[in-house]
Amino acid sequence: MSRADKFRFPTPALRCALSRKGCLACVWLFAFFACCFAGCDRVTTSRYAQLMQDADVKSAQGDFDRAINLYEAALDDSPRCAEVHYKLALLYDDKLNDPVSALHHFRRYLALSPTGAHANDVKNSIKRDELTVVTTLSSDSVVTRAEAARLRNENLTLHKELEARAGALRSASDKLQTSDTTSKGTVSTKKGGRIYTVQSGDTLVSISRKFYKSPKHWKEILAANRKSVRNPKTLTVGQTLVIP
């Protein structure tokens, strides 16, 4: 019997079984690789979230250099990293006074998220930082945002101090004027009483207000001066009154 006679082609049933086994193996392989990719994605997402959390903590603690290193480690140029670039730009701009580095990250933010939540703020910041860089290169002095805030706070403090001093001076002046007005024509007697010389326009009510800060005591003044005041509605300029 020849070698060709010994060889037999697989029967249809055998071919079908082999085909099913091959399909099952492919399904298992596909599921395996899908799980691997999903696991990698979860690991990547978890690492990104941890880096961002650690960077935020360091930034809040004032450790800006470490925060920058952590933010940069989270960068992968995916759209989600637009927020990372924004935070880096703010650190360079507000904390480190480095407008050149801030410009780089502001522009990366717009490239990744041109219509993002911070787009308008980023555009305005870019214009400001570009002006700052140009002015610095032209050897003109530039007042940083932090310096401007400090000067503004000092100005407000000085303004409040000046207002307080002005108020104190006005109060002292008012007291002096009141004292002068009240004591004008008043003579202390040996018994400790007061004698007031009537001025033009004075009435018992106005005199009561001068000495007692109230118009209610005019009757007491009238009672103390019954002998010299005949008509309480008419006082004579130069007339002396006893103030009880």
Protein backbone atom coordinates (compact mmCIF):
# COMPACT_ATOMS: atom_id res chain seq x y z
CA MET A 1 0.00 0.00 0.00
CA SER A 2 1.41 3.35 -0.99
CA ARG A 3 1.86 6.36 1.33
CA ALA A 4 -0.88 8.16 -0.56
CA ASP A 5 -3.29 5.30 0.14
CA LYS A 6 -2.55 5.50 3.87
CA PHE A 7 -3.41 9.27 4.04
CA ARG A 8 -7.05 10.03 4.74
CA PHE A 9 -8.71 13.51 4.64
CA PRO A 10 -10.63 14.42 7.82
CA THR A 11 -14.25 13.58 7.74
CA PRO A 12 -16.81 16.43 7.73
CA ALA A 13 -17.69 15.79 11.38
CA LEU A 14 -14.03 16.04 12.37
CA ARG A 15 -13.55 19.24 10.41
CA CYS A 16 -16.58 20.76 12.15
CA ALA A 17 -15.25 19.84 15.60
CA LEU A 18 -11.85 21.34 14.81
CA SER A 19 -13.53 24.52 13.59
CA ARG A 20 -15.55 24.88 16.81
CA LYS A 21 -12.45 24.40 18.94
CA GLY A 22 -10.63 27.07 16.92
CA CYS A 23 -13.47 29.55 17.37
CA LEU A 24 -13.62 28.86 21.10
CA ALA A 25 -9.87 29.43 21.39
CA CYS A 26 -10.19 32.74 19.54
CA VAL A 27 -12.99 33.85 21.87
CA TRP A 28 -10.87 33.04 24.92
CA LEU A 29 -7.89 34.90 23.49
CA PHE A 30 -10.03 37.95 22.72
CA ALA A 31 -11.48 37.96 26.24
CA PHE A 32 -7.99 37.62 27.73
CA PHE A 33 -6.58 40.58 25.81
CA ALA A 34 -9.70 42.67 26.55
CA CYS A 35 -9.25 42.06 30.27
CA CYS A 36 -5.59 42.97 30.02
CA PHE A 37 -6.36 46.24 28.25
CA ALA A 38 -9.14 47.08 30.74
CA GLY A 39 -6.84 46.36 33.63
CA CYS A 40 -4.13 48.56 32.16
CA ASP A 41 -6.64 51.36 31.65
CA ARG A 42 -7.81 51.10 35.26
CA VAL A 43 -4.23 51.15 36.47
CA THR A 44 -3.47 54.22 34.32
CA THR A 45 -6.58 56.03 35.55
CA SER A 46 -5.81 55.18 39.15
CA ARG A 47 -2.23 56.42 38.80
CA TYR A 48 -3.40 59.66 37.18
CA ALA A 49 -5.92 60.31 39.95
CA GLN A 50 -3.34 59.61 42.65
CA LEU A 51 -0.79 61.93 41.04
CA MET A 52 -3.34 64.71 40.76
CA GLN A 53 -4.43 64.27 44.37
CA ASP A 54 -0.86 64.32 45.66
CA ALA A 55 -0.03 67.36 43.52
CA ASP A 56 -3.04 69.27 44.82
CA VAL A 57 -2.01 68.51 48.40
CA LYS A 58 1.57 69.70 47.82
CA SER A 59 0.32 72.85 46.12
CA ALA A 60 -1.97 73.63 49.07
CA GLN A 61 0.97 73.08 51.44
CA GLY A 62 3.12 75.56 49.51
CA ASP A 63 5.54 72.91 48.19
CA PHE A 64 5.25 74.20 44.63
CA ASP A 65 8.32 72.46 43.21
CA ARG A 66 7.05 69.04 44.32
CA ALA A 67 3.56 69.88 43.08
CA ILE A 68 4.94 70.76 39.64
CA ASN A 69 6.86 67.46 39.46
CA LEU A 70 3.70 65.50 40.30
CA TYR A 71 1.54 67.43 37.83
CA GLU A 72 4.11 66.88 35.08
CA ALA A 73 4.22 63.15 35.87
CA ALA A 74 0.46 63.03 35.22
CA LEU A 75 0.78 64.57 31.74
CA ASP A 76 0.16 62.31 28.74
CA ASP A 77 -1.26 64.83 26.20
CA SER A 78 -4.74 63.33 26.43
CA PRO A 79 -7.69 65.78 26.61
CA ARG A 80 -8.03 65.16 30.34
CA CYS A 81 -4.56 66.69 30.83
CA ALA A 82 -5.87 70.13 29.88
CA GLU A 83 -6.74 70.61 33.55
CA VAL A 84 -3.18 69.63 34.52
CA HIS A 85 -1.74 72.25 32.18
CA TYR A 86 -4.12 74.84 33.66
CA LYS A 87 -2.99 74.09 37.20
CA LEU A 88 0.65 74.20 36.17
CA ALA A 89 0.11 77.54 34.45
CA LEU A 90 -1.48 79.01 37.58
CA LEU A 91 1.42 77.83 39.72
CA TYR A 92 3.99 79.40 37.42
CA ASP A 93 1.92 82.57 37.01
CA ASP A 94 0.67 83.23 40.55
CA LYS A 95 3.19 81.52 42.82
CA LEU A 96 6.53 81.44 40.99
CA ASN A 97 6.28 84.64 38.91
CA ASP A 98 7.39 82.78 35.77
CA PRO A 99 5.22 84.11 32.91
CA VAL A 100 7.21 82.29 30.22
CA SER A 101 6.48 78.83 31.68
CA ALA A 102 2.91 79.90 32.41
CA LEU A 103 2.41 80.86 28.76
CA HIS A 104 3.51 77.39 27.63
CA HIS A 105 0.94 75.63 29.81
CA PHE A 106 -1.84 78.11 29.04
CA ARG A 107 -1.33 77.44 25.33
CA ARG A 108 -1.25 73.67 25.87
CA TYR A 109 -4.58 74.00 27.68
CA LEU A 110 -6.17 75.77 24.70
CA ALA A 111 -4.71 73.20 22.31
CA LEU A 112 -6.27 70.33 24.28
CA SER A 113 -9.48 72.07 25.31
CA PRO A 114 -10.17 75.16 23.16
CA THR A 115 -13.73 75.52 24.52
CA GLY A 116 -13.07 74.32 28.07
CA ALA A 117 -14.36 75.84 31.28
CA HIS A 118 -11.21 77.95 31.72
CA ALA A 119 -10.83 79.02 28.07
CA ASN A 120 -11.75 82.69 28.59
CA ASP A 121 -9.56 83.04 31.66
CA VAL A 122 -6.68 81.36 29.83
CA LYS A 123 -6.97 83.73 26.85
CA ASN A 124 -6.92 86.78 29.12
CA SER A 125 -3.97 85.37 31.07
CA ILE A 126 -2.05 84.76 27.84
CA LYS A 127 -2.51 88.40 26.79
CA ARG A 128 -1.37 89.63 30.19
CA ASP A 129 1.66 87.34 30.36
CA GLU A 130 2.70 88.18 26.79
CA LEU A 131 2.67 91.87 27.73
CA THR A 132 4.64 91.09 30.89
CA VAL A 133 7.30 89.18 28.94
CA VAL A 134 7.61 91.89 26.29
CA THR A 135 7.89 94.61 28.91
CA THR A 136 10.48 92.64 30.84
CA LEU A 137 12.55 92.07 27.72
CA SER A 138 12.43 95.79 26.96
CA SER A 139 13.95 96.45 30.44
CA ASP A 140 10.83 98.21 31.72
CA SER A 141 9.73 97.54 35.27
CA VAL A 142 6.76 95.24 35.71
CA VAL A 143 4.59 94.99 38.79
CA THR A 144 3.65 91.37 39.38
CA ARG A 145 0.17 90.33 40.42
CA ALA A 146 1.40 89.50 43.92
CA GLU A 147 3.18 92.85 44.24
CA ALA A 148 0.10 94.68 42.97
CA ALA A 149 -2.04 92.89 45.56
CA ARG A 150 0.42 93.80 48.32
CA LEU A 151 0.45 97.47 47.30
CA ARG A 152 -3.34 97.50 47.08
CA ASN A 153 -3.65 96.08 50.60
CA GLU A 154 -1.15 98.61 51.96
CA ASN A 155 -3.08 101.41 50.27
CA LEU A 156 -6.34 100.23 51.83
CA THR A 157 -4.71 100.03 55.26
CA LEU A 158 -3.30 103.55 54.97
CA HIS A 159 -6.64 104.83 53.75
CA LYS A 160 -8.39 103.34 56.79
CA GLU A 161 -5.79 104.84 59.14
CA LEU A 162 -6.23 108.26 57.56
CA GLU A 163 -10.01 108.01 57.87
CA ALA A 164 -9.69 107.01 61.53
CA ARG A 165 -7.37 109.96 62.25
CA ALA A 166 -9.64 112.35 60.37
CA GLY A 167 -12.62 111.08 62.37
CA ALA A 168 -10.75 111.57 65.62
CA LEU A 169 -9.79 115.11 64.64
CA ARG A 170 -13.39 115.93 63.65
CA SER A 171 -14.66 114.56 66.96
CA ALA A 172 -12.12 116.61 68.92
CA SER A 173 -12.99 119.70 66.90
CA ASP A 174 -16.72 119.20 67.50
CA LYS A 175 -16.14 118.80 71.23
CA LEU A 176 -14.01 121.97 71.29
CA GLN A 177 -16.64 123.94 69.41
CA THR A 178 -19.39 122.68 71.73
CA SER A 179 -17.29 123.55 74.74
CA ASP A 180 -16.59 127.03 73.38
CA THR A 181 -20.24 127.61 72.53
CA THR A 182 -21.43 126.34 75.89
CA SER A 183 -18.86 128.15 77.98
CA LYS A 184 -19.20 131.46 76.17
CA GLY A 185 -20.71 133.88 78.64
CA THR A 186 -20.56 131.28 81.43
CA VAL A 187 -18.83 132.10 84.69
CA SER A 188 -18.19 129.67 87.50
CA THR A 189 -19.29 130.92 90.87
CA LYS A 190 -17.82 130.12 94.23
CA LYS A 191 -20.64 127.73 94.96
CA GLY A 192 -19.94 125.78 91.80
CA GLY A 193 -22.96 127.09 89.92
CA ARG A 194 -22.94 128.45 86.38
CA ILE A 195 -23.94 131.85 85.04
CA TYR A 196 -24.71 132.18 81.36
CA THR A 197 -24.78 135.43 79.39
CA VAL A 198 -27.60 135.43 76.86
CA GLN A 199 -26.46 135.67 73.25
CA SER A 200 -28.35 136.85 70.19
CA GLY A 201 -31.00 134.30 69.15
CA ASP A 202 -30.94 132.43 72.47
CA THR A 203 -34.12 130.97 73.96
CA LEU A 204 -34.63 128.93 77.08
CA VAL A 205 -35.03 125.86 74.91
CA SER A 206 -31.78 126.49 73.01
CA ILE A 207 -29.92 127.19 76.25
CA SER A 208 -31.27 123.94 77.71
CA ARG A 209 -30.00 122.10 74.64
CA LYS A 210 -26.54 123.70 74.98
CA PHE A 211 -26.04 122.66 78.56
CA TYR A 212 -28.10 119.49 78.89
CA LYS A 213 -28.14 118.18 75.31
CA SER A 214 -31.92 118.19 75.59
CA PRO A 215 -34.61 120.90 75.27
CA LYS A 216 -36.62 119.47 78.18
CA HIS A 217 -34.83 121.38 80.96
CA TRP A 218 -35.95 124.88 79.95
CA LYS A 219 -38.50 124.93 82.79
CA GLU A 220 -35.73 124.27 85.32
CA ILE A 221 -33.75 127.19 83.94
CA LEU A 222 -36.87 129.38 84.08
CA ALA A 223 -37.56 128.36 87.68
CA ALA A 224 -33.99 129.26 88.67
CA ASN A 225 -34.34 132.72 87.09
CA ARG A 226 -37.92 133.74 88.01
CA LYS A 227 -36.78 137.11 89.34
CA SER A 228 -34.95 138.17 86.15
CA VAL A 229 -37.07 136.46 83.47
CA ARG A 230 -40.57 137.84 83.27
CA ASN A 231 -41.47 136.54 79.84
CA PRO A 232 -39.91 133.12 79.02
CA LYS A 233 -40.36 133.80 75.29
CA THR A 234 -38.31 136.97 75.38
CA LEU A 235 -34.70 137.05 76.58
CA THR A 236 -32.48 140.12 76.55
CA VAL A 237 -29.06 139.93 74.96
CA GLY A 238 -26.43 140.36 77.69
CA GLN A 239 -28.79 139.16 80.37
CA THR A 240 -27.26 136.70 82.83
CA LEU A 241 -28.99 133.46 83.75
CA VAL A 242 -28.27 130.95 86.45
CA ILE A 243 -27.92 127.45 85.04
CA PRO A 244 -28.98 124.95 87.70
